[in-house]
Amino acid sequence: MYEITYLDASREPVTHVAGAGEVGDVVAWAGSHGVKIRVRPYTRPKGEPASGSAGKGDEQR
């Protein structure tokens, strides 16, 4: 899992948790739209179950 943060100067950064298969598509999309992003490995917070709701409710693109 990876944490993708969309870095938009006009508002708060938006974070999205994505699987490895989605990262390439997000990077390609960001590059073609001039959007700056940060991609880093996602580490589940302690106490959060493995099948937890990581990323649920987070705003996406």
PDB file of N, CA and C in Angstrom:
ATOM      1  N   MET A   1       0.838  -1.169   0.000  1.00  0.00           N
ATOM      2  CA  MET A   1       0.000   0.000   0.000  1.00  0.00           C
ATOM      3  C   MET A   1       0.892   1.244   0.000  1.00  0.00           C
ATOM      4  N   TYR A   2       0.369   2.289  -0.640  1.00  0.00           N
ATOM      5  CA  TYR A   2       1.091   3.550  -0.740  1.00  0.00           C
ATOM      6  C   TYR A   2       0.175   4.700  -0.366  1.00  0.00           C
ATOM      7  N   GLU A   3       0.760   5.728   0.213  1.00  0.00           N
ATOM      8  CA  GLU A   3       0.027   6.940   0.553  1.00  0.00           C
ATOM      9  C   GLU A   3       0.368   7.985  -0.506  1.00  0.00           C
ATOM     10  N   ILE A   4      -0.649   8.456  -1.199  1.00  0.00           N
ATOM     11  CA  ILE A   4      -0.470   9.454  -2.245  1.00  0.00           C
ATOM     12  C   ILE A   4      -1.058  10.764  -1.737  1.00  0.00           C
ATOM     13  N   THR A   5      -0.250  11.804  -1.748  1.00  0.00           N
ATOM     14  CA  THR A   5      -0.714  13.117  -1.317  1.00  0.00           C
ATOM     15  C   THR A   5      -0.695  14.044  -2.516  1.00  0.00           C
ATOM     16  N   TYR A   6      -1.839  14.636  -2.802  1.00  0.00           N
ATOM     17  CA  TYR A   6      -1.969  15.596  -3.893  1.00  0.00           C
ATOM     18  C   TYR A   6      -1.609  16.959  -3.331  1.00  0.00           C
ATOM     19  N   LEU A   7      -0.557  17.573  -3.856  1.00  0.00           N
ATOM     20  CA  LEU A   7      -0.044  18.838  -3.338  1.00  0.00           C
ATOM     21  C   LEU A   7      -0.586  19.991  -4.177  1.00  0.00           C
ATOM     22  N   ASP A   8      -1.635  20.611  -3.705  1.00  0.00           N
ATOM     23  CA  ASP A   8      -2.285  21.717  -4.406  1.00  0.00           C
ATOM     24  C   ASP A   8      -2.104  22.973  -3.570  1.00  0.00           C
ATOM     25  N   ALA A   9      -1.459  23.968  -4.122  1.00  0.00           N
ATOM     26  CA  ALA A   9      -1.146  25.181  -3.371  1.00  0.00           C
ATOM     27  C   ALA A   9      -2.383  25.956  -2.940  1.00  0.00           C
ATOM     28  N   SER A  10      -3.513  25.737  -3.583  1.00  0.00           N
ATOM     29  CA  SER A  10      -4.702  26.533  -3.279  1.00  0.00           C
ATOM     30  C   SER A  10      -5.545  25.975  -2.127  1.00  0.00           C
ATOM     31  N   ARG A  11      -5.211  24.771  -1.631  1.00  0.00           N
ATOM     32  CA  ARG A  11      -5.988  24.199  -0.527  1.00  0.00           C
ATOM     33  C   ARG A  11      -5.146  23.179   0.228  1.00  0.00           C
ATOM     34  N   GLU A  12      -5.722  22.604   1.270  1.00  0.00           N
ATOM     35  CA  GLU A  12      -5.033  21.590   2.068  1.00  0.00           C
ATOM     36  C   GLU A  12      -4.698  20.381   1.189  1.00  0.00           C
ATOM     37  N   PRO A  13      -3.536  19.771   1.410  1.00  0.00           N
ATOM     38  CA  PRO A  13      -3.212  18.553   0.655  1.00  0.00           C
ATOM     39  C   PRO A  13      -4.231  17.446   0.944  1.00  0.00           C
ATOM     40  N   VAL A  14      -4.543  16.663  -0.070  1.00  0.00           N
ATOM     41  CA  VAL A  14      -5.483  15.551   0.050  1.00  0.00           C
ATOM     42  C   VAL A  14      -4.674  14.266  -0.030  1.00  0.00           C
ATOM     43  N   THR A  15      -4.924  13.344   0.901  1.00  0.00           N
ATOM     44  CA  THR A  15      -4.197  12.085   0.940  1.00  0.00           C
ATOM     45  C   THR A  15      -5.120  10.940   0.590  1.00  0.00           C
ATOM     46  N   HIS A  16      -4.578   9.997  -0.164  1.00  0.00           N
ATOM     47  CA  HIS A  16      -5.328   8.836  -0.648  1.00  0.00           C
ATOM     48  C   HIS A  16      -4.435   7.618  -0.482  1.00  0.00           C
ATOM     49  N   VAL A  17      -4.966   6.520   0.027  1.00  0.00           N
ATOM     50  CA  VAL A  17      -4.208   5.282   0.154  1.00  0.00           C
ATOM     51  C   VAL A  17      -4.539   4.414  -1.054  1.00  0.00           C
ATOM     52  N   ALA A  18      -3.488   3.928  -1.735  1.00  0.00           N
ATOM     53  CA  ALA A  18      -3.679   3.174  -2.972  1.00  0.00           C
ATOM     54  C   ALA A  18      -2.817   1.920  -2.980  1.00  0.00           C
ATOM     55  N   GLY A  19      -3.268   0.939  -3.717  1.00  0.00           N
ATOM     56  CA  GLY A  19      -2.483  -0.271  -3.916  1.00  0.00           C
ATOM     57  C   GLY A  19      -1.395  -0.032  -4.946  1.00  0.00           C
ATOM     58  N   ALA A  20      -0.449  -0.947  -4.990  1.00  0.00           N
ATOM     59  CA  ALA A  20       0.690  -0.812  -5.899  1.00  0.00           C
ATOM     60  C   ALA A  20       0.253  -0.693  -7.356  1.00  0.00           C
ATOM     61  N   GLY A  21      -0.799  -1.377  -7.756  1.00  0.00           N
ATOM     62  CA  GLY A  21      -1.273  -1.337  -9.133  1.00  0.00           C
ATOM     63  C   GLY A  21      -1.824   0.013  -9.553  1.00  0.00           C
ATOM     64  N   GLU A  22      -2.247   0.816  -8.608  1.00  0.00           N
ATOM     65  CA  GLU A  22      -2.847   2.116  -8.914  1.00  0.00           C
ATOM     66  C   GLU A  22      -1.809   3.242  -8.997  1.00  0.00           C
ATOM     67  N   VAL A  23      -0.652   3.044  -8.373  1.00  0.00           N
ATOM     68  CA  VAL A  23       0.343   4.115  -8.273  1.00  0.00           C
ATOM     69  C   VAL A  23       0.799   4.606  -9.646  1.00  0.00           C
ATOM     70  N   GLY A  24       1.097   3.703 -10.561  1.00  0.00           N
ATOM     71  CA  GLY A  24       1.543   4.105 -11.896  1.00  0.00           C
ATOM     72  C   GLY A  24       0.509   4.941 -12.619  1.00  0.00           C
ATOM     73  N   ASP A  25      -0.761   4.578 -12.493  1.00  0.00           N
ATOM     74  CA  ASP A  25      -1.834   5.341 -13.133  1.00  0.00           C
ATOM     75  C   ASP A  25      -1.951   6.741 -12.534  1.00  0.00           C
ATOM     76  N   VAL A  26      -1.820   6.835 -11.218  1.00  0.00           N
ATOM     77  CA  VAL A  26      -1.919   8.136 -10.554  1.00  0.00           C
ATOM     78  C   VAL A  26      -0.748   9.024 -10.958  1.00  0.00           C
ATOM     79  N   VAL A  27       0.457   8.454 -11.016  1.00  0.00           N
ATOM     80  CA  VAL A  27       1.631   9.230 -11.417  1.00  0.00           C
ATOM     81  C   VAL A  27       1.470   9.721 -12.856  1.00  0.00           C
ATOM     82  N   ALA A  28       0.987   8.856 -13.749  1.00  0.00           N
ATOM     83  CA  ALA A  28       0.766   9.257 -15.142  1.00  0.00           C
ATOM     84  C   ALA A  28      -0.290  10.358 -15.228  1.00  0.00           C
ATOM     85  N   TRP A  29      -1.385  10.208 -14.489  1.00  0.00           N
ATOM     86  CA  TRP A  29      -2.452  11.215 -14.492  1.00  0.00           C
ATOM     87  C   TRP A  29      -1.912  12.556 -13.990  1.00  0.00           C
ATOM     88  N   ALA A  30      -1.175  12.518 -12.877  1.00  0.00           N
ATOM     89  CA  ALA A  30      -0.642  13.751 -12.301  1.00  0.00           C
ATOM     90  C   ALA A  30       0.317  14.433 -13.277  1.00  0.00           C
ATOM     91  N   GLY A  31       1.157  13.658 -13.928  1.00  0.00           N
ATOM     92  CA  GLY A  31       2.101  14.226 -14.886  1.00  0.00           C
ATOM     93  C   GLY A  31       1.415  14.880 -16.071  1.00  0.00           C
ATOM     94  N   SER A  32       0.360  14.256 -16.550  1.00  0.00           N
ATOM     95  CA  SER A  32      -0.334  14.812 -17.719  1.00  0.00           C
ATOM     96  C   SER A  32      -1.202  16.013 -17.378  1.00  0.00           C
ATOM     97  N   HIS A  33      -1.509  16.196 -16.080  1.00  0.00           N
ATOM     98  CA  HIS A  33      -2.340  17.330 -15.654  1.00  0.00           C
ATOM     99  C   HIS A  33      -1.549  18.381 -14.881  1.00  0.00           C
ATOM    100  N   GLY A  34      -0.247  18.192 -14.758  1.00  0.00           N
ATOM    101  CA  GLY A  34       0.578  19.169 -14.053  1.00  0.00           C
ATOM    102  C   GLY A  34       0.320  19.236 -12.563  1.00  0.00           C
ATOM    103  N   VAL A  35      -0.121  18.131 -11.979  1.00  0.00           N
ATOM    104  CA  VAL A  35      -0.418  18.076 -10.551  1.00  0.00           C
ATOM    105  C   VAL A  35       0.782  17.492  -9.818  1.00  0.00           C
ATOM    106  N   LYS A  36       1.198  18.155  -8.744  1.00  0.00           N
ATOM    107  CA  LYS A  36       2.304  17.640  -7.940  1.00  0.00           C
ATOM    108  C   LYS A  36       1.743  16.664  -6.911  1.00  0.00           C
ATOM    109  N   ILE A  37       2.413  15.517  -6.791  1.00  0.00           N
ATOM    110  CA  ILE A  37       2.006  14.522  -5.810  1.00  0.00           C
ATOM    111  C   ILE A  37       3.224  14.028  -5.057  1.00  0.00           C
ATOM    112  N   ARG A  38       2.962  13.445  -3.899  1.00  0.00           N
ATOM    113  CA  ARG A  38       4.011  12.772  -3.137  1.00  0.00           C
ATOM    114  C   ARG A  38       3.535  11.345  -2.923  1.00  0.00           C
ATOM    115  N   VAL A  39       4.397  10.380  -3.223  1.00  0.00           N
ATOM    116  CA  VAL A  39       4.072   8.962  -3.051  1.00  0.00           C
ATOM    117  C   VAL A  39       5.059   8.377  -2.054  1.00  0.00           C
ATOM    118  N   ARG A  40       4.527   7.717  -1.036  1.00  0.00           N
ATOM    119  CA  ARG A  40       5.398   7.053  -0.069  1.00  0.00           C
ATOM    120  C   ARG A  40       4.712   5.798   0.453  1.00  0.00           C
ATOM    121  N   PRO A  41       5.495   4.859   0.945  1.00  0.00           N
ATOM    122  CA  PRO A  41       4.886   3.630   1.472  1.00  0.00           C
ATOM    123  C   PRO A  41       3.919   3.957   2.599  1.00  0.00           C
ATOM    124  N   TYR A  42       2.822   3.225   2.648  1.00  0.00           N
ATOM    125  CA  TYR A  42       1.805   3.432   3.681  1.00  0.00           C
ATOM    126  C   TYR A  42       2.046   2.438   4.802  1.00  0.00           C
ATOM    127  N   THR A  43       2.125   2.935   6.000  1.00  0.00           N
ATOM    128  CA  THR A  43       2.249   2.092   7.178  1.00  0.00           C
ATOM    129  C   THR A  43       0.984   2.266   7.979  1.00  0.00           C
ATOM    130  N   ARG A  44       0.272   1.178   8.155  1.00  0.00           N
ATOM    131  CA  ARG A  44      -0.988   1.213   8.892  1.00  0.00           C
ATOM    132  C   ARG A  44      -0.717   1.655  10.333  1.00  0.00           C
ATOM    133  N   PRO A  45      -1.503   2.598  10.852  1.00  0.00           N
ATOM    134  CA  PRO A  45      -1.331   3.027  12.244  1.00  0.00           C
ATOM    135  C   PRO A  45      -1.509   1.846  13.194  1.00  0.00           C
ATOM    136  N   LYS A  46      -0.773   1.853  14.296  1.00  0.00           N
ATOM    137  CA  LYS A  46      -0.892   0.776  15.278  1.00  0.00           C
ATOM    138  C   LYS A  46      -2.318   0.715  15.795  1.00  0.00           C
ATOM    139  N   GLY A  47      -2.826  -0.492  15.922  1.00  0.00           N
ATOM    140  CA  GLY A  47      -4.175  -0.673  16.420  1.00  0.00           C
ATOM    141  C   GLY A  47      -5.229  -0.729  15.332  1.00  0.00           C
ATOM    142  N   GLU A  48      -4.892  -0.331  14.100  1.00  0.00           N
ATOM    143  CA  GLU A  48      -5.861  -0.393  13.006  1.00  0.00           C
ATOM    144  C   GLU A  48      -5.842  -1.804  12.431  1.00  0.00           C
ATOM    145  N   PRO A  49      -6.994  -2.450  12.302  1.00  0.00           N
ATOM    146  CA  PRO A  49      -7.016  -3.816  11.771  1.00  0.00           C
ATOM    147  C   PRO A  49      -6.539  -3.875  10.320  1.00  0.00           C
ATOM    148  N   ALA A  50      -5.984  -5.016   9.935  1.00  0.00           N
ATOM    149  CA  ALA A  50      -5.446  -5.201   8.583  1.00  0.00           C
ATOM    150  C   ALA A  50      -6.509  -4.970   7.521  1.00  0.00           C
ATOM    151  N   SER A  51      -7.744  -5.305   7.793  1.00  0.00           N
ATOM    152  CA  SER A  51      -8.819  -5.090   6.823  1.00  0.00           C
ATOM    153  C   SER A  51      -9.557  -3.797   7.126  1.00  0.00           C
ATOM    154  N   GLY A  52      -8.896  -2.881   7.810  1.00  0.00           N
ATOM    155  CA  GLY A  52      -9.507  -1.627   8.226  1.00  0.00           C
ATOM    156  C   GLY A  52      -9.958  -0.773   7.070  1.00  0.00           C
ATOM    157  N   SER A  53     -10.426   0.391   7.385  1.00  0.00           N
ATOM    158  CA  SER A  53     -10.995   1.281   6.382  1.00  0.00           C
ATOM    159  C   SER A  53      -9.976   2.302   5.910  1.00  0.00           C
ATOM    160  N   ALA A  54      -8.727   1.922   5.757  1.00  0.00           N
ATOM    161  CA  ALA A  54      -7.698   2.850   5.319  1.00  0.00           C
ATOM    162  C   ALA A  54      -8.112   3.486   4.008  1.00  0.00           C
ATOM    163  N   GLY A  55      -8.155   4.800   3.990  1.00  0.00           N
ATOM    164  CA  GLY A  55      -8.507   5.510   2.771  1.00  0.00           C
ATOM    165  C   GLY A  55      -9.988   5.777   2.620  1.00  0.00           C
ATOM    166  N   LYS A  56     -10.837   5.077   3.391  1.00  0.00           N
ATOM    167  CA  LYS A  56     -12.276   5.314   3.274  1.00  0.00           C
ATOM    168  C   LYS A  56     -12.614   6.713   3.737  1.00  0.00           C
ATOM    169  N   GLY A  57     -13.428   7.379   2.952  1.00  0.00           N
ATOM    170  CA  GLY A  57     -13.864   8.708   3.311  1.00  0.00           C
ATOM    171  C   GLY A  57     -12.886   9.788   2.921  1.00  0.00           C
ATOM    172  N   ASP A  58     -11.689   9.407   2.516  1.00  0.00           N
ATOM    173  CA  ASP A  58     -10.724  10.416   2.061  1.00  0.00           C
ATOM    174  C   ASP A  58     -11.158  10.946   0.721  1.00  0.00           C
ATOM    175  N   GLU A  59     -10.926  12.200   0.539  1.00  0.00           N
ATOM    176  CA  GLU A  59     -11.258  12.826  -0.731  1.00  0.00           C
ATOM    177  C   GLU A  59     -10.286  12.326  -1.797  1.00  0.00           C
ATOM    178  N   GLN A  60     -10.782  12.074  -2.976  1.00  0.00           N
ATOM    179  CA  GLN A  60      -9.933  11.612  -4.067  1.00  0.00           C
ATOM    180  C   GLN A  60     -10.026  12.569  -5.229  1.00  0.00           C
ATOM    181  N   ARG A  61      -8.919  12.644  -5.989  1.00  0.00           N
ATOM    182  CA  ARG A  61      -8.839  13.508  -7.180  1.00  0.00           C
ATOM    183  C   ARG A  61     -10.029  14.348  -7.314  1.00  0.00           C
TER     184      ARG A  61
END
